[in-house]
Amino acid sequence: MKDFLIGLLDWIYKKKCYFCRSSKECVRMCSACYDTMEYLPVQVNRIIDGKKVYCAGIYSKNLQKLIRGLKYHNQRDLAYYLAKFMADYWTNITDDKDFQVVPVPIFAKRKKQRKYNHMELVGEQFAKLAGLSYTPNLISRVKDTKPQYNLKKSQRAENLKDAFEVVPGNKLNCRILLIDDICTTGSTFEEMIRELKKHNINDIVCFAATTPFGD
């Protein structure tokens, strides 16, 4: 009944596509806009501290707007579309279900201000779509870092130094899949890998929705 009422309200109020403003499909991202997002080749994008990093798509147009809307403009409904984009790419890498999905965490104060961590929303949807386990609280962010986009590579590494801690008490019985929205220099993944290795967690793969540097 709840789903019926939500669907009825969506029909009455004509939910519009966030990208082209069309209400024909009554969704936040219509199929035409979704289909404009381009994938990168299915291959390892880079190696960070001995761990494979995959990046799903080309950082342009609607993929860029999707990430910005979700991350900065409270467009939480867009999490599903980013998760689907990533899941569709991931299924071309492997059909192995022995992974725990771990989203990049944000500092508690920032999460309180924003009211959500966009990658937790994406991670939950991605895990469902890909048929993987979801462990959002494996690692926490204990340092209120500066935004990375204005920093040089060396500054990014220093900014993220000792920014993460593994949360005690988690049961680990499969591989770790770290996920993020954008992998630029790889500093975030690198620091998370370093922290996980301190706790003898070594079976790690990293996966980002996109990278500004393509393939």
N, C-alpha and C. Protein backbone atom coordinates (compact mmCIF):
# COMPACT_ATOMS: atom_id res chain seq x y z
N MET A 1 0.83 -1.20 0.00
CA MET A 1 0.00 0.00 0.00
C MET A 1 0.87 1.26 0.00
N LYS A 2 1.96 1.23 0.80
CA LYS A 2 2.86 2.39 0.86
C LYS A 2 3.46 2.68 -0.51
N ASP A 3 3.95 1.63 -1.19
CA ASP A 3 4.55 1.81 -2.52
C ASP A 3 3.52 2.34 -3.51
N PHE A 4 2.27 1.86 -3.38
CA PHE A 4 1.20 2.33 -4.27
C PHE A 4 0.95 3.82 -4.08
N LEU A 5 0.89 4.24 -2.79
CA LEU A 5 0.63 5.65 -2.49
C LEU A 5 1.77 6.54 -2.97
N ILE A 6 3.01 6.07 -2.79
CA ILE A 6 4.16 6.84 -3.26
C ILE A 6 4.11 6.97 -4.78
N GLY A 7 3.80 5.86 -5.45
CA GLY A 7 3.70 5.89 -6.91
C GLY A 7 2.58 6.82 -7.38
N LEU A 8 1.47 6.81 -6.64
CA LEU A 8 0.35 7.68 -6.99
C LEU A 8 0.73 9.15 -6.85
N LEU A 9 1.42 9.47 -5.74
CA LEU A 9 1.85 10.85 -5.53
C LEU A 9 2.85 11.29 -6.60
N ASP A 10 3.75 10.37 -6.96
CA ASP A 10 4.71 10.68 -8.02
C ASP A 10 3.98 10.98 -9.34
N TRP A 11 2.95 10.21 -9.61
CA TRP A 11 2.19 10.42 -10.84
C TRP A 11 1.44 11.74 -10.81
N ILE A 12 0.85 12.05 -9.63
CA ILE A 12 0.09 13.29 -9.49
C ILE A 12 1.00 14.50 -9.65
N TYR A 13 2.13 14.45 -8.99
CA TYR A 13 3.02 15.61 -8.99
C TYR A 13 4.09 15.55 -10.08
N LYS A 14 4.03 14.51 -10.91
CA LYS A 14 4.90 14.42 -12.08
C LYS A 14 6.39 14.64 -11.75
N LYS A 15 6.98 13.63 -11.12
CA LYS A 15 8.41 13.71 -10.80
C LYS A 15 9.20 13.94 -12.09
N LYS A 16 10.08 14.93 -12.09
CA LYS A 16 10.82 15.31 -13.29
C LYS A 16 12.25 14.79 -13.24
N CYS A 17 12.79 14.53 -14.42
CA CYS A 17 14.19 14.16 -14.54
C CYS A 17 15.05 15.34 -14.10
N TYR A 18 16.00 15.07 -13.22
CA TYR A 18 16.88 16.10 -12.69
C TYR A 18 17.77 16.70 -13.78
N PHE A 19 17.94 15.98 -14.87
CA PHE A 19 18.90 16.36 -15.91
C PHE A 19 18.25 17.10 -17.08
N CYS A 20 17.14 16.58 -17.58
CA CYS A 20 16.50 17.22 -18.74
C CYS A 20 15.15 17.83 -18.42
N ARG A 21 14.67 17.62 -17.18
CA ARG A 21 13.41 18.18 -16.67
C ARG A 21 12.19 17.53 -17.32
N SER A 22 12.36 16.46 -18.06
CA SER A 22 11.22 15.76 -18.64
C SER A 22 10.46 15.00 -17.55
N SER A 23 9.14 14.96 -17.66
CA SER A 23 8.32 14.20 -16.70
C SER A 23 7.68 12.98 -17.35
N LYS A 24 8.10 12.63 -18.55
CA LYS A 24 7.50 11.52 -19.29
C LYS A 24 7.60 10.20 -18.54
N GLU A 25 8.76 9.94 -17.92
CA GLU A 25 8.96 8.67 -17.22
C GLU A 25 8.71 8.78 -15.72
N CYS A 26 8.50 10.00 -15.24
CA CYS A 26 8.22 10.24 -13.82
C CYS A 26 9.33 9.67 -12.92
N VAL A 27 10.59 9.92 -13.31
CA VAL A 27 11.74 9.46 -12.54
C VAL A 27 12.75 10.59 -12.41
N ARG A 28 13.72 10.42 -11.50
CA ARG A 28 14.72 11.46 -11.27
C ARG A 28 15.84 11.43 -12.30
N MET A 29 15.98 10.32 -13.01
CA MET A 29 16.91 10.25 -14.13
C MET A 29 16.29 9.39 -15.21
N CYS A 30 15.89 10.02 -16.28
CA CYS A 30 15.21 9.28 -17.35
C CYS A 30 16.19 8.38 -18.09
N SER A 31 15.66 7.42 -18.82
CA SER A 31 16.52 6.45 -19.51
C SER A 31 17.40 7.12 -20.57
N ALA A 32 16.88 8.17 -21.21
CA ALA A 32 17.67 8.86 -22.23
C ALA A 32 18.89 9.53 -21.61
N CYS A 33 18.71 10.17 -20.47
CA CYS A 33 19.83 10.84 -19.79
C CYS A 33 20.81 9.82 -19.20
N TYR A 34 20.27 8.73 -18.67
CA TYR A 34 21.13 7.67 -18.13
C TYR A 34 22.03 7.10 -19.23
N ASP A 35 21.45 6.90 -20.39
CA ASP A 35 22.18 6.27 -21.50
C ASP A 35 23.26 7.16 -22.10
N THR A 36 23.27 8.46 -21.74
CA THR A 36 24.34 9.33 -22.25
C THR A 36 25.64 9.14 -21.49
N MET A 37 25.58 8.52 -20.30
CA MET A 37 26.80 8.33 -19.51
C MET A 37 27.66 7.25 -20.15
N GLU A 38 28.93 7.55 -20.29
CA GLU A 38 29.84 6.66 -21.01
C GLU A 38 30.76 5.89 -20.06
N TYR A 39 30.93 4.62 -20.37
CA TYR A 39 31.82 3.77 -19.58
C TYR A 39 33.26 3.83 -20.08
N LEU A 40 34.17 3.66 -19.17
CA LEU A 40 35.56 3.42 -19.52
C LEU A 40 35.74 1.95 -19.88
N PRO A 41 36.84 1.60 -20.55
CA PRO A 41 37.10 0.18 -20.83
C PRO A 41 37.14 -0.63 -19.53
N VAL A 42 36.71 -1.87 -19.61
CA VAL A 42 36.72 -2.74 -18.43
C VAL A 42 38.13 -3.27 -18.23
N GLN A 43 38.87 -2.54 -17.41
CA GLN A 43 40.26 -2.89 -17.13
C GLN A 43 40.71 -2.17 -15.87
N VAL A 44 41.83 -2.61 -15.33
CA VAL A 44 42.40 -1.93 -14.15
C VAL A 44 42.82 -0.53 -14.55
N ASN A 45 42.35 0.45 -13.82
CA ASN A 45 42.66 1.85 -14.13
C ASN A 45 44.02 2.24 -13.59
N ARG A 46 44.37 1.71 -12.44
CA ARG A 46 45.68 1.97 -11.83
C ARG A 46 45.91 0.99 -10.70
N ILE A 47 47.14 0.97 -10.19
CA ILE A 47 47.49 0.17 -9.02
C ILE A 47 47.91 1.12 -7.91
N ILE A 48 47.30 0.97 -6.74
CA ILE A 48 47.65 1.80 -5.59
C ILE A 48 48.08 0.89 -4.44
N ASP A 49 49.32 1.04 -4.03
CA ASP A 49 49.87 0.23 -2.93
C ASP A 49 49.63 -1.26 -3.17
N GLY A 50 49.79 -1.67 -4.42
CA GLY A 50 49.65 -3.08 -4.77
C GLY A 50 48.23 -3.55 -4.98
N LYS A 51 47.24 -2.64 -4.87
CA LYS A 51 45.84 -3.02 -4.99
C LYS A 51 45.24 -2.47 -6.29
N LYS A 52 44.40 -3.27 -6.91
CA LYS A 52 43.77 -2.86 -8.17
C LYS A 52 42.70 -1.79 -7.92
N VAL A 53 42.67 -0.81 -8.81
CA VAL A 53 41.64 0.24 -8.77
C VAL A 53 40.92 0.24 -10.12
N TYR A 54 39.61 0.13 -10.07
CA TYR A 54 38.77 0.22 -11.27
C TYR A 54 37.98 1.52 -11.22
N CYS A 55 37.78 2.14 -12.37
CA CYS A 55 36.96 3.34 -12.48
C CYS A 55 35.95 3.10 -13.60
N ALA A 56 34.68 3.34 -13.29
CA ALA A 56 33.61 2.90 -14.19
C ALA A 56 33.40 3.79 -15.41
N GLY A 57 33.35 5.13 -15.21
CA GLY A 57 32.89 5.96 -16.31
C GLY A 57 33.72 7.19 -16.59
N ILE A 58 33.40 7.82 -17.70
CA ILE A 58 34.07 9.05 -18.12
C ILE A 58 33.45 10.23 -17.38
N TYR A 59 34.31 11.04 -16.77
CA TYR A 59 33.85 12.15 -15.93
C TYR A 59 33.43 13.33 -16.79
N SER A 60 32.19 13.29 -17.26
CA SER A 60 31.70 14.39 -18.09
C SER A 60 30.18 14.44 -18.04
N LYS A 61 29.63 15.58 -18.39
CA LYS A 61 28.21 15.81 -18.59
C LYS A 61 27.35 15.22 -17.47
N ASN A 62 26.49 14.26 -17.81
CA ASN A 62 25.49 13.80 -16.85
C ASN A 62 26.07 13.02 -15.68
N LEU A 63 27.17 12.31 -15.89
CA LEU A 63 27.80 11.62 -14.77
C LEU A 63 28.34 12.64 -13.77
N GLN A 64 28.92 13.69 -14.27
CA GLN A 64 29.42 14.77 -13.43
C GLN A 64 28.27 15.43 -12.67
N LYS A 65 27.19 15.72 -13.36
CA LYS A 65 26.04 16.36 -12.72
C LYS A 65 25.38 15.42 -11.71
N LEU A 66 25.36 14.14 -12.02
CA LEU A 66 24.81 13.14 -11.11
C LEU A 66 25.55 13.13 -9.79
N ILE A 67 26.88 13.10 -9.85
CA ILE A 67 27.68 13.07 -8.63
C ILE A 67 27.53 14.36 -7.84
N ARG A 68 27.56 15.49 -8.52
CA ARG A 68 27.43 16.78 -7.83
C ARG A 68 26.06 16.95 -7.19
N GLY A 69 25.01 16.55 -7.91
CA GLY A 69 23.67 16.66 -7.36
C GLY A 69 23.50 15.81 -6.12
N LEU A 70 24.00 14.59 -6.17
CA LEU A 70 23.92 13.67 -5.04
C LEU A 70 24.76 14.14 -3.86
N LYS A 71 25.95 14.63 -4.16
CA LYS A 71 26.91 14.96 -3.11
C LYS A 71 26.65 16.31 -2.45
N TYR A 72 26.28 17.30 -3.25
CA TYR A 72 26.21 18.67 -2.73
C TYR A 72 24.81 19.29 -2.71
N HIS A 73 23.86 18.71 -3.41
CA HIS A 73 22.56 19.37 -3.56
C HIS A 73 21.39 18.54 -3.04
N ASN A 74 21.70 17.62 -2.13
CA ASN A 74 20.66 16.88 -1.41
C ASN A 74 19.75 16.05 -2.33
N GLN A 75 20.25 15.66 -3.47
CA GLN A 75 19.47 14.86 -4.41
C GLN A 75 19.69 13.37 -4.11
N ARG A 76 19.17 12.93 -2.98
CA ARG A 76 19.46 11.57 -2.51
C ARG A 76 18.90 10.49 -3.43
N ASP A 77 17.82 10.79 -4.13
CA ASP A 77 17.25 9.81 -5.05
C ASP A 77 18.22 9.41 -6.15
N LEU A 78 19.21 10.25 -6.39
CA LEU A 78 20.17 9.95 -7.46
C LEU A 78 21.15 8.84 -7.08
N ALA A 79 21.19 8.47 -5.80
CA ALA A 79 22.11 7.42 -5.35
C ALA A 79 21.86 6.11 -6.11
N TYR A 80 20.61 5.81 -6.37
CA TYR A 80 20.28 4.57 -7.08
C TYR A 80 20.93 4.55 -8.47
N TYR A 81 20.89 5.66 -9.17
CA TYR A 81 21.39 5.70 -10.55
C TYR A 81 22.91 5.59 -10.60
N LEU A 82 23.59 6.19 -9.63
CA LEU A 82 25.04 6.04 -9.57
C LEU A 82 25.39 4.60 -9.20
N ALA A 83 24.63 4.02 -8.27
CA ALA A 83 24.86 2.63 -7.88
C ALA A 83 24.64 1.69 -9.06
N LYS A 84 23.59 1.93 -9.82
CA LYS A 84 23.31 1.08 -10.99
C LYS A 84 24.41 1.21 -12.04
N PHE A 85 24.86 2.43 -12.27
CA PHE A 85 25.93 2.66 -13.24
C PHE A 85 27.18 1.87 -12.83
N MET A 86 27.51 1.91 -11.54
CA MET A 86 28.67 1.19 -11.04
C MET A 86 28.46 -0.32 -11.08
N ALA A 87 27.25 -0.77 -10.71
CA ALA A 87 26.97 -2.20 -10.69
C ALA A 87 27.00 -2.80 -12.08
N ASP A 88 26.49 -2.07 -13.05
CA ASP A 88 26.51 -2.56 -14.43
C ASP A 88 27.94 -2.76 -14.93
N TYR A 89 28.83 -1.85 -14.51
CA TYR A 89 30.25 -1.98 -14.89
C TYR A 89 30.88 -3.14 -14.12
N TRP A 90 30.59 -3.22 -12.82
CA TRP A 90 31.23 -4.22 -11.96
C TRP A 90 30.93 -5.65 -12.42
N THR A 91 29.73 -5.88 -12.90
CA THR A 91 29.38 -7.24 -13.34
C THR A 91 30.21 -7.69 -14.54
N ASN A 92 30.84 -6.75 -15.24
CA ASN A 92 31.74 -7.10 -16.34
C ASN A 92 33.16 -7.40 -15.86
N ILE A 93 33.43 -7.08 -14.60
CA ILE A 93 34.75 -7.36 -14.02
C ILE A 93 34.78 -8.76 -13.46
N THR A 94 33.76 -9.10 -12.67
CA THR A 94 33.72 -10.40 -12.00
C THR A 94 32.31 -10.74 -11.57
N ASP A 95 32.03 -12.04 -11.45
CA ASP A 95 30.77 -12.48 -10.88
C ASP A 95 30.98 -13.03 -9.47
N ASP A 96 32.17 -12.81 -8.92
CA ASP A 96 32.52 -13.23 -7.56
C ASP A 96 31.67 -12.45 -6.56
N LYS A 97 30.95 -13.15 -5.69
CA LYS A 97 30.10 -12.51 -4.68
C LYS A 97 30.77 -12.42 -3.32
N ASP A 98 32.02 -12.84 -3.26
CA ASP A 98 32.74 -12.88 -1.98
C ASP A 98 33.39 -11.54 -1.67
N PHE A 99 32.58 -10.48 -1.61
CA PHE A 99 33.08 -9.14 -1.32
C PHE A 99 32.21 -8.47 -0.27
N GLN A 100 32.85 -7.68 0.57
CA GLN A 100 32.13 -6.77 1.45
C GLN A 100 32.32 -5.35 0.91
N VAL A 101 31.22 -4.68 0.60
CA VAL A 101 31.26 -3.32 0.07
C VAL A 101 31.45 -2.34 1.22
N VAL A 102 32.51 -1.53 1.13
CA VAL A 102 32.84 -0.55 2.18
C VAL A 102 32.93 0.83 1.53
N PRO A 103 31.95 1.71 1.77
CA PRO A 103 32.00 3.06 1.20
C PRO A 103 33.00 3.94 1.93
N VAL A 104 33.59 4.89 1.22
CA VAL A 104 34.47 5.85 1.86
C VAL A 104 33.67 6.67 2.88
N PRO A 105 34.09 6.69 4.14
CA PRO A 105 33.33 7.43 5.15
C PRO A 105 33.65 8.92 5.14
N ILE A 106 32.76 9.71 5.72
CA ILE A 106 33.03 11.13 5.93
C ILE A 106 33.08 11.40 7.43
N PHE A 107 33.67 12.51 7.81
CA PHE A 107 33.81 12.88 9.21
C PHE A 107 32.43 13.09 9.83
N ALA A 108 32.27 12.69 11.08
CA ALA A 108 30.96 12.71 11.75
C ALA A 108 30.32 14.10 11.73
N LYS A 109 31.11 15.13 11.97
CA LYS A 109 30.57 16.50 11.99
C LYS A 109 30.03 16.88 10.61
N ARG A 110 30.76 16.51 9.56
CA ARG A 110 30.33 16.83 8.20
C ARG A 110 29.07 16.05 7.83
N LYS A 111 29.01 14.80 8.28
CA LYS A 111 27.82 13.99 8.02
C LYS A 111 26.60 14.58 8.72
N LYS A 112 26.79 15.08 9.92
CA LYS A 112 25.69 15.70 10.66
C LYS A 112 25.19 16.96 9.94
N GLN A 113 26.12 17.74 9.41
CA GLN A 113 25.75 18.96 8.69
C GLN A 113 25.02 18.64 7.39
N ARG A 114 25.53 17.64 6.67
CA ARG A 114 24.96 17.27 5.38
C ARG A 114 23.74 16.38 5.54
N LYS A 115 23.67 15.71 6.70
CA LYS A 115 22.58 14.79 7.06
C LYS A 115 22.69 13.42 6.39
N TYR A 116 23.72 13.20 5.62
CA TYR A 116 23.93 11.89 5.02
C TYR A 116 25.32 11.82 4.40
N ASN A 117 25.80 10.59 4.22
CA ASN A 117 27.01 10.34 3.45
C ASN A 117 26.56 9.75 2.12
N HIS A 118 26.78 10.48 1.04
CA HIS A 118 26.26 10.03 -0.26
C HIS A 118 26.79 8.67 -0.67
N MET A 119 28.04 8.35 -0.27
CA MET A 119 28.58 7.05 -0.67
C MET A 119 28.01 5.90 0.15
N GLU A 120 27.47 6.17 1.32
CA GLU A 120 26.74 5.14 2.05
C GLU A 120 25.44 4.81 1.34
N LEU A 121 24.78 5.84 0.83
CA LEU A 121 23.54 5.62 0.07
C LEU A 121 23.84 4.81 -1.19
N VAL A 122 24.90 5.19 -1.89
CA VAL A 122 25.30 4.48 -3.11
C VAL A 122 25.73 3.05 -2.77
N GLY A 123 26.52 2.91 -1.71
CA GLY A 123 27.03 1.60 -1.32
C GLY A 123 25.93 0.60 -1.01
N GLU A 124 24.90 1.05 -0.31
CA GLU A 124 23.79 0.17 0.03
C GLU A 124 23.07 -0.31 -1.22
N GLN A 125 22.80 0.62 -2.14
CA GLN A 125 22.12 0.25 -3.38
C GLN A 125 23.02 -0.62 -4.26
N PHE A 126 24.29 -0.27 -4.35
CA PHE A 126 25.24 -1.02 -5.16
C PHE A 126 25.35 -2.47 -4.68
N ALA A 127 25.44 -2.65 -3.37
CA ALA A 127 25.56 -4.00 -2.81
C ALA A 127 24.34 -4.84 -3.16
N LYS A 128 23.16 -4.25 -3.09
CA LYS A 128 21.93 -4.97 -3.45
C LYS A 128 21.95 -5.36 -4.92
N LEU A 129 22.28 -4.41 -5.78
CA LEU A 129 22.27 -4.65 -7.22
C LEU A 129 23.32 -5.69 -7.63
N ALA A 130 24.48 -5.65 -6.97
CA ALA A 130 25.58 -6.55 -7.33
C ALA A 130 25.54 -7.86 -6.56
N GLY A 131 24.63 -7.97 -5.58
CA GLY A 131 24.52 -9.19 -4.78
C GLY A 131 25.68 -9.40 -3.83
N LEU A 132 26.19 -8.30 -3.25
CA LEU A 132 27.34 -8.35 -2.35
C LEU A 132 26.94 -7.97 -0.93
N SER A 133 27.79 -8.29 0.02
CA SER A 133 27.57 -7.88 1.41
C SER A 133 27.89 -6.40 1.56
N TYR A 134 27.27 -5.77 2.54
CA TYR A 134 27.45 -4.34 2.75
C TYR A 134 27.90 -4.09 4.18
N THR A 135 29.07 -3.45 4.33
CA THR A 135 29.64 -3.19 5.66
C THR A 135 30.06 -1.73 5.75
N PRO A 136 29.11 -0.82 6.03
CA PRO A 136 29.42 0.61 6.02
C PRO A 136 30.26 1.08 7.20
N ASN A 137 30.31 0.27 8.26
CA ASN A 137 31.00 0.72 9.47
C ASN A 137 32.31 -0.02 9.74
N LEU A 138 32.92 -0.54 8.70
CA LEU A 138 34.21 -1.21 8.88
C LEU A 138 35.30 -0.21 9.25
N ILE A 139 35.24 0.96 8.63
CA ILE A 139 36.29 1.96 8.82
C ILE A 139 35.63 3.33 8.98
N SER A 140 36.18 4.14 9.88
CA SER A 140 35.60 5.45 10.13
C SER A 140 36.61 6.55 9.82
N ARG A 141 36.10 7.74 9.61
CA ARG A 141 36.95 8.90 9.34
C ARG A 141 37.09 9.67 10.66
N VAL A 142 38.30 9.75 11.15
CA VAL A 142 38.53 10.34 12.48
C VAL A 142 39.20 11.71 12.40
N LYS A 143 39.42 12.18 11.20
CA LYS A 143 40.07 13.48 11.00
C LYS A 143 39.22 14.32 10.05
N ASP A 144 38.95 15.57 10.45
CA ASP A 144 38.14 16.47 9.63
C ASP A 144 39.04 17.10 8.57
N THR A 145 39.17 16.40 7.45
CA THR A 145 40.09 16.83 6.40
C THR A 145 39.50 17.97 5.57
N LYS A 146 40.39 18.68 4.89
CA LYS A 146 39.96 19.74 3.97
C LYS A 146 39.44 19.09 2.69
N PRO A 147 38.59 19.80 1.94
CA PRO A 147 38.18 19.28 0.62
C PRO A 147 39.40 19.03 -0.26
N GLN A 148 39.41 17.89 -0.94
CA GLN A 148 40.58 17.48 -1.69
C GLN A 148 40.76 18.20 -3.03
N TYR A 149 39.66 18.70 -3.60
CA TYR A 149 39.73 19.18 -4.99
C TYR A 149 40.62 20.39 -5.19
N ASN A 150 40.92 21.14 -4.13
CA ASN A 150 41.78 22.32 -4.27
C ASN A 150 43.25 22.03 -3.96
N LEU A 151 43.57 20.79 -3.65
CA LEU A 151 44.91 20.45 -3.17
C LEU A 151 45.73 19.72 -4.24
N LYS A 152 47.04 19.92 -4.19
CA LYS A 152 47.96 19.19 -5.05
C LYS A 152 48.14 17.77 -4.50
N LYS A 153 48.77 16.91 -5.29
CA LYS A 153 48.90 15.51 -4.90
C LYS A 153 49.58 15.35 -3.55
N SER A 154 50.70 16.05 -3.34
CA SER A 154 51.42 15.94 -2.07
C SER A 154 50.58 16.47 -0.90
N GLN A 155 49.82 17.52 -1.17
CA GLN A 155 48.95 18.10 -0.14
C GLN A 155 47.79 17.16 0.20
N ARG A 156 47.29 16.47 -0.82
CA ARG A 156 46.19 15.52 -0.60
C ARG A 156 46.64 14.40 0.34
N ALA A 157 47.85 13.89 0.09
CA ALA A 157 48.37 12.81 0.92
C ALA A 157 48.55 13.26 2.37
N GLU A 158 49.07 14.45 2.57
CA GLU A 158 49.26 14.99 3.92
C GLU A 158 47.92 15.27 4.59
N ASN A 159 46.97 15.77 3.81
CA ASN A 159 45.64 16.07 4.32
C ASN A 159 44.94 14.82 4.86
N LEU A 160 45.17 13.69 4.20
CA LEU A 160 44.50 12.44 4.56
C LEU A 160 45.29 11.55 5.52
N LYS A 161 46.49 11.98 5.86
CA LYS A 161 47.32 11.17 6.75
C LYS A 161 46.61 10.92 8.08
N ASP A 162 46.51 9.64 8.46
CA ASP A 162 45.87 9.22 9.71
C ASP A 162 44.42 9.67 9.81
N ALA A 163 43.75 9.76 8.65
CA ALA A 163 42.35 10.22 8.64
C ALA A 163 41.36 9.10 8.92
N PHE A 164 41.80 7.84 8.80
CA PHE A 164 40.87 6.71 8.93
C PHE A 164 41.30 5.75 10.04
N GLU A 165 40.30 5.09 10.63
CA GLU A 165 40.56 4.05 11.62
C GLU A 165 39.61 2.89 11.41
N VAL A 166 40.14 1.67 11.48
CA VAL A 166 39.30 0.49 11.43
C VAL A 166 38.51 0.40 12.72
N VAL A 167 37.21 0.18 12.62
CA VAL A 167 36.32 0.08 13.78
C VAL A 167 36.43 -1.32 14.36
N PRO A 168 36.76 -1.45 15.65
CA PRO A 168 36.90 -2.78 16.26
C PRO A 168 35.58 -3.56 16.24
N GLY A 169 35.71 -4.88 16.21
CA GLY A 169 34.53 -5.73 16.37
C GLY A 169 33.87 -6.20 15.10
N ASN A 170 34.34 -5.75 13.94
CA ASN A 170 33.75 -6.20 12.68
C ASN A 170 34.24 -7.60 12.33
N LYS A 171 33.32 -8.42 11.84
CA LYS A 171 33.68 -9.76 11.41
C LYS A 171 33.99 -9.75 9.92
N LEU A 172 35.20 -10.12 9.59
CA LEU A 172 35.64 -10.10 8.20
C LEU A 172 35.83 -11.53 7.70
N ASN A 173 35.03 -11.92 6.72
CA ASN A 173 35.15 -13.28 6.20
C ASN A 173 35.19 -13.30 4.68
N CYS A 174 35.43 -12.14 4.08
CA CYS A 174 35.55 -12.11 2.62
C CYS A 174 36.35 -10.88 2.19
N ARG A 175 36.48 -10.70 0.91
CA ARG A 175 37.30 -9.62 0.36
C ARG A 175 36.65 -8.27 0.59
N ILE A 176 37.47 -7.23 0.62
CA ILE A 176 36.99 -5.87 0.83
C ILE A 176 36.94 -5.13 -0.51
N LEU A 177 35.81 -4.50 -0.80
CA LEU A 177 35.66 -3.66 -1.98
C LEU A 177 35.40 -2.23 -1.53
N LEU A 178 36.43 -1.40 -1.58
CA LEU A 178 36.29 0.01 -1.21
C LEU A 178 35.67 0.76 -2.39
N ILE A 179 34.64 1.57 -2.11
CA ILE A 179 34.02 2.32 -3.22
C ILE A 179 33.98 3.81 -2.91
N ASP A 180 34.16 4.60 -3.96
CA ASP A 180 34.11 6.06 -3.85
C ASP A 180 33.51 6.62 -5.14
N ASP A 181 33.21 7.92 -5.13
CA ASP A 181 32.64 8.52 -6.33
C ASP A 181 33.71 8.86 -7.37
N ILE A 182 34.76 9.56 -6.94
CA ILE A 182 35.80 10.01 -7.87
C ILE A 182 37.18 9.60 -7.35
N CYS A 183 37.98 9.02 -8.21
CA CYS A 183 39.37 8.72 -7.88
C CYS A 183 40.25 9.65 -8.70
N THR A 184 40.85 10.64 -8.05
CA THR A 184 41.70 11.61 -8.75
C THR A 184 43.16 11.17 -8.64
N THR A 185 43.79 11.46 -7.53
CA THR A 185 45.17 10.99 -7.33
C THR A 185 45.21 9.62 -6.67
N GLY A 186 44.10 9.20 -6.08
CA GLY A 186 44.07 7.93 -5.37
C GLY A 186 44.46 8.03 -3.91
N SER A 187 44.63 9.24 -3.39
CA SER A 187 45.10 9.44 -2.02
C SER A 187 44.13 8.86 -0.98
N THR A 188 42.84 8.99 -1.25
CA THR A 188 41.85 8.47 -0.29
C THR A 188 41.94 6.96 -0.20
N PHE A 189 41.93 6.30 -1.34
CA PHE A 189 42.07 4.84 -1.35
C PHE A 189 43.40 4.42 -0.71
N GLU A 190 44.46 5.14 -1.03
CA GLU A 190 45.79 4.79 -0.51
C GLU A 190 45.82 4.82 1.01
N GLU A 191 45.22 5.85 1.59
CA GLU A 191 45.24 5.97 3.05
C GLU A 191 44.34 4.92 3.71
N MET A 192 43.22 4.61 3.06
CA MET A 192 42.35 3.57 3.61
C MET A 192 43.03 2.20 3.53
N ILE A 193 43.70 1.93 2.42
CA ILE A 193 44.45 0.67 2.29
C ILE A 193 45.51 0.56 3.37
N ARG A 194 46.23 1.66 3.60
CA ARG A 194 47.28 1.66 4.62
C ARG A 194 46.71 1.30 6.00
N GLU A 195 45.57 1.88 6.32
CA GLU A 195 44.94 1.61 7.62
C GLU A 195 44.45 0.16 7.71
N LEU A 196 43.87 -0.34 6.65
CA LEU A 196 43.40 -1.72 6.65
C LEU A 196 44.56 -2.70 6.80
N LYS A 197 45.67 -2.41 6.11
CA LYS A 197 46.84 -3.29 6.20
C LYS A 197 47.41 -3.34 7.62
N LYS A 198 47.30 -2.25 8.35
CA LYS A 198 47.76 -2.22 9.75
C LYS A 198 47.03 -3.27 10.57
N HIS A 199 45.83 -3.62 10.16
CA HIS A 199 45.01 -4.60 10.87
C HIS A 199 44.98 -5.95 10.14
N ASN A 200 46.01 -6.16 9.32
CA ASN A 200 46.17 -7.42 8.59
C ASN A 200 44.99 -7.71 7.65
N ILE A 201 44.39 -6.67 7.13
CA ILE A 201 43.34 -6.80 6.12
C ILE A 201 43.99 -6.45 4.79
N ASN A 202 44.24 -7.48 3.98
CA ASN A 202 45.06 -7.28 2.78
C ASN A 202 44.36 -7.59 1.47
N ASP A 203 43.23 -8.30 1.52
CA ASP A 203 42.53 -8.68 0.30
C ASP A 203 41.56 -7.57 -0.06
N ILE A 204 42.05 -6.59 -0.83
CA ILE A 204 41.33 -5.34 -1.06
C ILE A 204 41.30 -5.01 -2.55
N VAL A 205 40.15 -4.58 -3.01
CA VAL A 205 39.99 -4.02 -4.35
C VAL A 205 39.31 -2.66 -4.21
N CYS A 206 39.68 -1.70 -5.05
CA CYS A 206 39.09 -0.37 -4.99
C CYS A 206 38.29 -0.10 -6.26
N PHE A 207 37.18 0.63 -6.09
CA PHE A 207 36.29 0.87 -7.22
C PHE A 207 35.67 2.27 -7.09
N ALA A 208 35.87 3.11 -8.10
CA ALA A 208 35.30 4.45 -8.13
C ALA A 208 34.36 4.58 -9.31
N ALA A 209 33.38 5.46 -9.16
CA ALA A 209 32.43 5.69 -10.26
C ALA A 209 33.13 6.30 -11.46
N THR A 210 34.15 7.14 -11.20
CA THR A 210 34.81 7.84 -12.30
C THR A 210 36.17 8.36 -11.88
N THR A 211 36.93 8.83 -12.85
CA THR A 211 38.20 9.51 -12.62
C THR A 211 38.31 10.66 -13.61
N PRO A 212 38.80 11.83 -13.19
CA PRO A 212 38.95 12.95 -14.12
C PRO A 212 39.97 12.70 -15.22
N PHE A 213 40.80 11.68 -15.02
CA PHE A 213 41.90 11.45 -15.95
C PHE A 213 41.62 10.35 -16.97
N GLY A 214 40.38 9.85 -17.04
CA GLY A 214 40.03 8.84 -18.03
C GLY A 214 40.84 7.58 -17.87
N ASP A 215 41.12 6.93 -19.01
CA ASP A 215 41.86 5.68 -18.95
C ASP A 215 43.34 5.89 -19.25
